Amino acid sequence: MKFRPVSGLLFMYFVLIMSGCRSDSTDNPRAYVEGQMVAATVDFNKIRLKIISNNIVTAQTALQAGGSFTLSGPISNDGFSLTSTEKIKSFKAEKSGLTISADSMQINVPKGITYLKFNEIVLTK
């Protein structure tokens, strides 16, 4: 049997595809965050939310009509932050251990939490 370069390239391509990124690995966690923003005088069209992990923006979104949001992105094993373009006064979430940063611009999420639902995030203004 003669080895053909095309067969070798196809085999190499197959091996690379089968050994690619695996989303089910615990070595590659992802955050999924959803919720509702509440504010009396804030224009929801101007607010942006970001997932930041290891000082890298991994996801970004604008709010939907009425202040609801959903975003998802890769995170490190050290936790992540949900960052807003407006100051956060308070929040209600289904998980505990979350804190508001000193500048009130982000909610810090400890490691181990990858799914998070906010019943409300109240903005100051």
N, C-alpha and C. Protein backbone atom coordinates (compact mmCIF):
# COMPACT_ATOMS: atom_id res chain seq x y z
N MET A 1 0.84 -1.17 0.00
CA MET A 1 0.00 0.00 0.00
C MET A 1 0.89 1.24 0.00
N LYS A 2 0.55 2.16 -0.84
CA LYS A 2 1.33 3.38 -1.00
C LYS A 2 0.71 4.51 -0.16
N PHE A 3 1.57 5.25 0.56
CA PHE A 3 1.09 6.38 1.37
C PHE A 3 0.91 7.58 0.46
N ARG A 4 -0.26 8.18 0.52
CA ARG A 4 -0.55 9.34 -0.30
C ARG A 4 -0.59 10.59 0.58
N PRO A 5 -0.04 11.70 0.12
CA PRO A 5 -0.03 12.93 0.92
C PRO A 5 -1.44 13.40 1.28
N VAL A 6 -2.40 13.20 0.38
CA VAL A 6 -3.76 13.65 0.66
C VAL A 6 -4.36 12.83 1.80
N SER A 7 -4.11 11.53 1.82
CA SER A 7 -4.61 10.69 2.90
C SER A 7 -4.00 11.11 4.23
N GLY A 8 -2.74 11.43 4.23
CA GLY A 8 -2.06 11.88 5.44
C GLY A 8 -2.63 13.19 5.96
N LEU A 9 -2.94 14.11 5.05
CA LEU A 9 -3.53 15.39 5.45
C LEU A 9 -4.93 15.20 6.01
N LEU A 10 -5.71 14.33 5.42
CA LEU A 10 -7.05 14.04 5.92
C LEU A 10 -6.99 13.41 7.30
N PHE A 11 -6.06 12.48 7.50
CA PHE A 11 -5.89 11.86 8.80
C PHE A 11 -5.48 12.90 9.85
N MET A 12 -4.55 13.78 9.51
CA MET A 12 -4.10 14.82 10.42
C MET A 12 -5.23 15.77 10.77
N TYR A 13 -6.04 16.13 9.79
CA TYR A 13 -7.20 17.00 10.01
C TYR A 13 -8.18 16.33 10.97
N PHE A 14 -8.44 15.04 10.78
CA PHE A 14 -9.35 14.29 11.64
C PHE A 14 -8.84 14.25 13.07
N VAL A 15 -7.56 14.02 13.26
CA VAL A 15 -6.96 13.97 14.59
C VAL A 15 -7.08 15.33 15.29
N LEU A 16 -6.83 16.42 14.57
CA LEU A 16 -6.91 17.75 15.15
C LEU A 16 -8.35 18.08 15.56
N ILE A 17 -9.30 17.71 14.76
CA ILE A 17 -10.71 17.97 15.08
C ILE A 17 -11.12 17.19 16.33
N MET A 18 -10.73 15.94 16.41
CA MET A 18 -11.13 15.10 17.54
C MET A 18 -10.45 15.51 18.84
N SER A 19 -9.31 16.16 18.77
CA SER A 19 -8.60 16.56 19.99
C SER A 19 -8.75 18.05 20.28
N GLY A 20 -9.68 18.74 19.63
CA GLY A 20 -9.89 20.17 19.81
C GLY A 20 -10.48 20.51 21.16
N CYS A 21 -10.92 21.75 21.31
CA CYS A 21 -11.50 22.23 22.58
C CYS A 21 -12.73 21.42 22.94
N ARG A 22 -12.82 21.11 24.20
CA ARG A 22 -13.99 20.37 24.69
C ARG A 22 -14.70 21.25 25.72
N SER A 23 -15.96 21.57 25.44
CA SER A 23 -16.70 22.46 26.32
C SER A 23 -17.14 21.78 27.60
N ASP A 24 -17.11 20.44 27.65
CA ASP A 24 -17.55 19.74 28.85
C ASP A 24 -16.43 19.54 29.86
N SER A 25 -15.27 20.04 29.58
CA SER A 25 -14.13 19.87 30.47
C SER A 25 -14.22 20.85 31.64
N THR A 26 -13.86 20.40 32.83
CA THR A 26 -13.81 21.29 33.98
C THR A 26 -12.60 22.21 33.92
N ASP A 27 -11.69 21.94 32.99
CA ASP A 27 -10.53 22.81 32.81
C ASP A 27 -10.90 24.07 32.03
N ASN A 28 -12.07 24.10 31.41
CA ASN A 28 -12.53 25.23 30.60
C ASN A 28 -13.92 25.68 31.06
N PRO A 29 -14.05 26.22 32.29
CA PRO A 29 -15.38 26.60 32.77
C PRO A 29 -15.95 27.81 32.04
N ARG A 30 -17.26 27.89 32.01
CA ARG A 30 -17.98 29.02 31.41
C ARG A 30 -18.96 29.57 32.43
N ALA A 31 -19.17 30.87 32.39
CA ALA A 31 -20.16 31.51 33.24
C ALA A 31 -21.40 31.78 32.41
N TYR A 32 -22.55 31.59 33.04
CA TYR A 32 -23.83 31.94 32.43
C TYR A 32 -24.55 32.81 33.44
N VAL A 33 -24.86 34.05 33.05
CA VAL A 33 -25.48 35.01 33.96
C VAL A 33 -26.73 35.58 33.30
N GLU A 34 -27.81 35.61 34.07
CA GLU A 34 -29.05 36.22 33.58
C GLU A 34 -29.69 37.00 34.71
N GLY A 35 -30.54 37.95 34.36
CA GLY A 35 -31.19 38.71 35.41
C GLY A 35 -31.95 39.90 34.91
N GLN A 36 -32.25 40.78 35.86
CA GLN A 36 -33.08 41.95 35.62
C GLN A 36 -32.46 43.16 36.31
N MET A 37 -32.29 44.27 35.57
CA MET A 37 -31.81 45.53 36.14
C MET A 37 -33.02 46.38 36.51
N VAL A 38 -32.89 47.11 37.61
CA VAL A 38 -33.95 47.98 38.08
C VAL A 38 -33.35 49.36 38.34
N ALA A 39 -33.96 50.39 37.75
CA ALA A 39 -33.53 51.77 37.99
C ALA A 39 -34.66 52.69 37.56
N ALA A 40 -34.79 53.80 38.27
CA ALA A 40 -35.89 54.72 37.98
C ALA A 40 -35.56 55.67 36.82
N THR A 41 -34.36 56.19 36.78
CA THR A 41 -34.05 57.24 35.81
C THR A 41 -32.90 56.89 34.88
N VAL A 42 -32.63 55.64 34.69
CA VAL A 42 -31.50 55.23 33.85
C VAL A 42 -32.01 54.76 32.50
N ASP A 43 -31.32 55.16 31.43
CA ASP A 43 -31.66 54.72 30.08
C ASP A 43 -31.04 53.33 29.86
N PHE A 44 -31.88 52.29 29.82
CA PHE A 44 -31.40 50.93 29.67
C PHE A 44 -30.63 50.72 28.37
N ASN A 45 -30.88 51.53 27.35
CA ASN A 45 -30.17 51.39 26.07
C ASN A 45 -28.69 51.74 26.18
N LYS A 46 -28.31 52.51 27.20
CA LYS A 46 -26.92 52.94 27.34
C LYS A 46 -26.10 52.06 28.27
N ILE A 47 -26.74 51.16 29.00
CA ILE A 47 -26.03 50.33 29.97
C ILE A 47 -25.44 49.11 29.27
N ARG A 48 -24.20 48.79 29.60
CA ARG A 48 -23.52 47.60 29.10
C ARG A 48 -23.07 46.76 30.29
N LEU A 49 -23.19 45.45 30.15
CA LEU A 49 -22.71 44.53 31.16
C LEU A 49 -21.61 43.67 30.57
N LYS A 50 -20.62 43.33 31.39
CA LYS A 50 -19.49 42.52 30.94
C LYS A 50 -19.19 41.45 31.97
N ILE A 51 -18.75 40.30 31.48
CA ILE A 51 -18.14 39.29 32.34
C ILE A 51 -16.64 39.49 32.20
N ILE A 52 -15.97 39.70 33.34
CA ILE A 52 -14.53 39.90 33.34
C ILE A 52 -13.90 38.81 34.20
N SER A 53 -12.93 38.12 33.62
CA SER A 53 -12.21 37.07 34.32
C SER A 53 -10.71 37.26 34.07
N ASN A 54 -9.93 37.34 35.12
CA ASN A 54 -8.48 37.60 35.02
C ASN A 54 -8.19 38.86 34.22
N ASN A 55 -8.97 39.91 34.46
CA ASN A 55 -8.83 41.21 33.80
C ASN A 55 -9.05 41.16 32.29
N ILE A 56 -9.75 40.15 31.82
CA ILE A 56 -10.07 40.00 30.40
C ILE A 56 -11.58 39.99 30.24
N VAL A 57 -12.10 40.81 29.33
CA VAL A 57 -13.53 40.81 29.03
C VAL A 57 -13.82 39.57 28.19
N THR A 58 -14.65 38.68 28.73
CA THR A 58 -14.97 37.44 28.00
C THR A 58 -16.37 37.44 27.43
N ALA A 59 -17.22 38.39 27.86
CA ALA A 59 -18.57 38.52 27.30
C ALA A 59 -19.06 39.93 27.57
N GLN A 60 -19.91 40.42 26.67
CA GLN A 60 -20.47 41.76 26.82
C GLN A 60 -21.85 41.78 26.20
N THR A 61 -22.76 42.55 26.81
CA THR A 61 -24.11 42.64 26.27
C THR A 61 -24.74 43.97 26.64
N ALA A 62 -25.76 44.33 25.88
CA ALA A 62 -26.62 45.47 26.20
C ALA A 62 -27.89 44.90 26.83
N LEU A 63 -28.58 45.74 27.55
CA LEU A 63 -29.82 45.29 28.18
C LEU A 63 -30.95 45.22 27.16
N GLN A 64 -31.85 44.29 27.37
CA GLN A 64 -33.04 44.17 26.54
C GLN A 64 -34.09 45.15 27.06
N ALA A 65 -35.17 45.28 26.35
CA ALA A 65 -36.26 46.16 26.78
C ALA A 65 -36.72 45.73 28.17
N GLY A 66 -36.88 46.68 29.05
CA GLY A 66 -37.31 46.36 30.40
C GLY A 66 -36.17 46.05 31.34
N GLY A 67 -34.94 45.98 30.87
CA GLY A 67 -33.79 45.78 31.73
C GLY A 67 -33.31 44.36 31.91
N SER A 68 -33.87 43.40 31.20
CA SER A 68 -33.41 42.02 31.35
C SER A 68 -32.12 41.81 30.54
N PHE A 69 -31.35 40.80 30.96
CA PHE A 69 -30.09 40.51 30.28
C PHE A 69 -29.72 39.04 30.43
N THR A 70 -28.90 38.59 29.50
CA THR A 70 -28.32 37.25 29.51
C THR A 70 -26.95 37.36 28.86
N LEU A 71 -25.95 36.77 29.49
CA LEU A 71 -24.64 36.70 28.86
C LEU A 71 -23.88 35.49 29.37
N SER A 72 -22.96 35.04 28.55
CA SER A 72 -22.19 33.84 28.84
C SER A 72 -20.81 33.96 28.24
N GLY A 73 -19.82 33.44 28.94
CA GLY A 73 -18.46 33.48 28.41
C GLY A 73 -17.53 32.63 29.24
N PRO A 74 -16.35 32.35 28.70
CA PRO A 74 -15.36 31.54 29.42
C PRO A 74 -14.80 32.30 30.61
N ILE A 75 -14.48 31.57 31.68
CA ILE A 75 -13.91 32.19 32.87
C ILE A 75 -12.74 31.34 33.36
N SER A 76 -11.96 31.93 34.26
CA SER A 76 -10.86 31.17 34.87
C SER A 76 -11.42 30.41 36.06
N ASN A 77 -10.61 29.62 36.68
CA ASN A 77 -11.03 28.87 37.87
C ASN A 77 -11.04 29.73 39.12
N ASP A 78 -10.66 31.00 39.01
CA ASP A 78 -10.59 31.89 40.16
C ASP A 78 -11.84 32.74 40.37
N GLY A 79 -12.89 32.52 39.61
CA GLY A 79 -14.09 33.34 39.71
C GLY A 79 -14.10 34.40 38.62
N PHE A 80 -15.10 35.30 38.71
CA PHE A 80 -15.25 36.34 37.70
C PHE A 80 -16.01 37.51 38.29
N SER A 81 -16.17 38.57 37.51
CA SER A 81 -16.93 39.74 37.92
C SER A 81 -17.95 40.08 36.84
N LEU A 82 -19.11 40.54 37.29
CA LEU A 82 -20.12 41.11 36.39
C LEU A 82 -19.99 42.61 36.53
N THR A 83 -19.58 43.28 35.48
CA THR A 83 -19.28 44.71 35.52
C THR A 83 -20.34 45.49 34.76
N SER A 84 -20.73 46.62 35.33
CA SER A 84 -21.76 47.48 34.75
C SER A 84 -21.17 48.84 34.41
N THR A 85 -21.79 49.54 33.48
CA THR A 85 -21.36 50.90 33.16
C THR A 85 -22.00 51.92 34.11
N GLU A 86 -22.93 51.47 34.96
CA GLU A 86 -23.56 52.32 35.98
C GLU A 86 -23.30 51.71 37.36
N LYS A 87 -23.32 52.53 38.39
CA LYS A 87 -23.07 52.06 39.75
C LYS A 87 -24.21 51.17 40.24
N ILE A 88 -23.82 50.14 40.97
CA ILE A 88 -24.77 49.17 41.50
C ILE A 88 -25.03 49.50 42.98
N LYS A 89 -26.31 49.66 43.31
CA LYS A 89 -26.69 49.96 44.69
C LYS A 89 -26.86 48.67 45.50
N SER A 90 -27.58 47.70 44.93
CA SER A 90 -27.81 46.42 45.61
C SER A 90 -28.22 45.38 44.59
N PHE A 91 -28.31 44.12 45.04
CA PHE A 91 -28.75 43.04 44.15
C PHE A 91 -29.36 41.93 44.98
N LYS A 92 -30.17 41.12 44.31
CA LYS A 92 -30.72 39.89 44.90
C LYS A 92 -30.42 38.77 43.93
N ALA A 93 -29.72 37.75 44.42
CA ALA A 93 -29.33 36.63 43.58
C ALA A 93 -29.67 35.32 44.27
N GLU A 94 -29.71 34.25 43.49
CA GLU A 94 -30.03 32.93 44.03
C GLU A 94 -28.83 32.26 44.69
N LYS A 95 -27.65 32.83 44.57
CA LYS A 95 -26.43 32.27 45.18
C LYS A 95 -25.91 33.23 46.24
N SER A 96 -25.15 32.72 47.17
CA SER A 96 -24.55 33.56 48.20
C SER A 96 -23.05 33.69 47.97
N GLY A 97 -22.43 34.62 48.69
CA GLY A 97 -20.99 34.82 48.58
C GLY A 97 -20.60 35.90 47.60
N LEU A 98 -21.56 36.52 46.93
CA LEU A 98 -21.28 37.59 45.98
C LEU A 98 -21.11 38.91 46.72
N THR A 99 -20.23 39.77 46.20
CA THR A 99 -20.00 41.07 46.84
C THR A 99 -19.96 42.17 45.78
N ILE A 100 -20.31 43.37 46.21
CA ILE A 100 -20.18 44.55 45.34
C ILE A 100 -18.80 45.14 45.57
N SER A 101 -18.13 45.53 44.50
CA SER A 101 -16.78 46.11 44.61
C SER A 101 -16.83 47.46 45.31
N ALA A 102 -15.68 47.96 45.74
CA ALA A 102 -15.58 49.24 46.45
C ALA A 102 -16.09 50.41 45.62
N ASP A 103 -15.89 50.37 44.30
CA ASP A 103 -16.36 51.45 43.44
C ASP A 103 -17.81 51.26 42.98
N SER A 104 -18.46 50.19 43.40
CA SER A 104 -19.86 49.87 43.09
C SER A 104 -20.13 49.64 41.60
N MET A 105 -19.10 49.34 40.84
CA MET A 105 -19.27 49.14 39.40
C MET A 105 -19.33 47.66 39.02
N GLN A 106 -19.06 46.75 39.96
CA GLN A 106 -19.08 45.34 39.62
C GLN A 106 -19.51 44.48 40.78
N ILE A 107 -20.01 43.30 40.43
CA ILE A 107 -20.36 42.28 41.41
C ILE A 107 -19.33 41.18 41.27
N ASN A 108 -18.63 40.89 42.36
CA ASN A 108 -17.59 39.86 42.35
C ASN A 108 -18.22 38.51 42.67
N VAL A 109 -17.92 37.53 41.82
CA VAL A 109 -18.47 36.19 41.97
C VAL A 109 -17.32 35.25 42.34
N PRO A 110 -17.44 34.54 43.46
CA PRO A 110 -16.34 33.65 43.88
C PRO A 110 -16.21 32.43 42.98
N LYS A 111 -15.04 31.80 43.08
CA LYS A 111 -14.81 30.61 42.27
C LYS A 111 -15.80 29.52 42.65
N GLY A 112 -16.10 28.68 41.69
CA GLY A 112 -17.04 27.59 41.90
C GLY A 112 -18.45 27.89 41.42
N ILE A 113 -18.78 29.17 41.25
CA ILE A 113 -20.11 29.54 40.74
C ILE A 113 -19.99 29.81 39.26
N THR A 114 -20.73 29.08 38.46
CA THR A 114 -20.70 29.29 37.01
C THR A 114 -22.07 29.68 36.46
N TYR A 115 -23.14 29.34 37.15
CA TYR A 115 -24.49 29.74 36.74
C TYR A 115 -25.03 30.69 37.79
N LEU A 116 -25.55 31.83 37.35
CA LEU A 116 -26.00 32.85 38.28
C LEU A 116 -27.24 33.54 37.73
N LYS A 117 -28.27 33.61 38.56
CA LYS A 117 -29.49 34.31 38.18
C LYS A 117 -29.76 35.41 39.21
N PHE A 118 -29.84 36.64 38.70
CA PHE A 118 -30.15 37.79 39.54
C PHE A 118 -31.65 38.07 39.44
N ASN A 119 -32.33 38.08 40.58
CA ASN A 119 -33.73 38.46 40.60
C ASN A 119 -33.87 39.95 40.33
N GLU A 120 -32.89 40.72 40.81
CA GLU A 120 -32.82 42.14 40.49
C GLU A 120 -31.45 42.69 40.83
N ILE A 121 -31.05 43.66 40.03
CA ILE A 121 -29.86 44.46 40.32
C ILE A 121 -30.34 45.90 40.31
N VAL A 122 -30.23 46.57 41.45
CA VAL A 122 -30.70 47.94 41.59
C VAL A 122 -29.53 48.89 41.33
N LEU A 123 -29.73 49.81 40.39
CA LEU A 123 -28.69 50.77 40.06
C LEU A 123 -28.93 52.08 40.79
N THR A 124 -27.87 52.81 41.10
CA THR A 124 -28.01 54.12 41.72
C THR A 124 -28.14 55.16 40.62
N LYS A 125 -28.91 56.17 40.85
CA LYS A 125 -29.06 57.30 39.93
C LYS A 125 -30.44 57.83 39.99
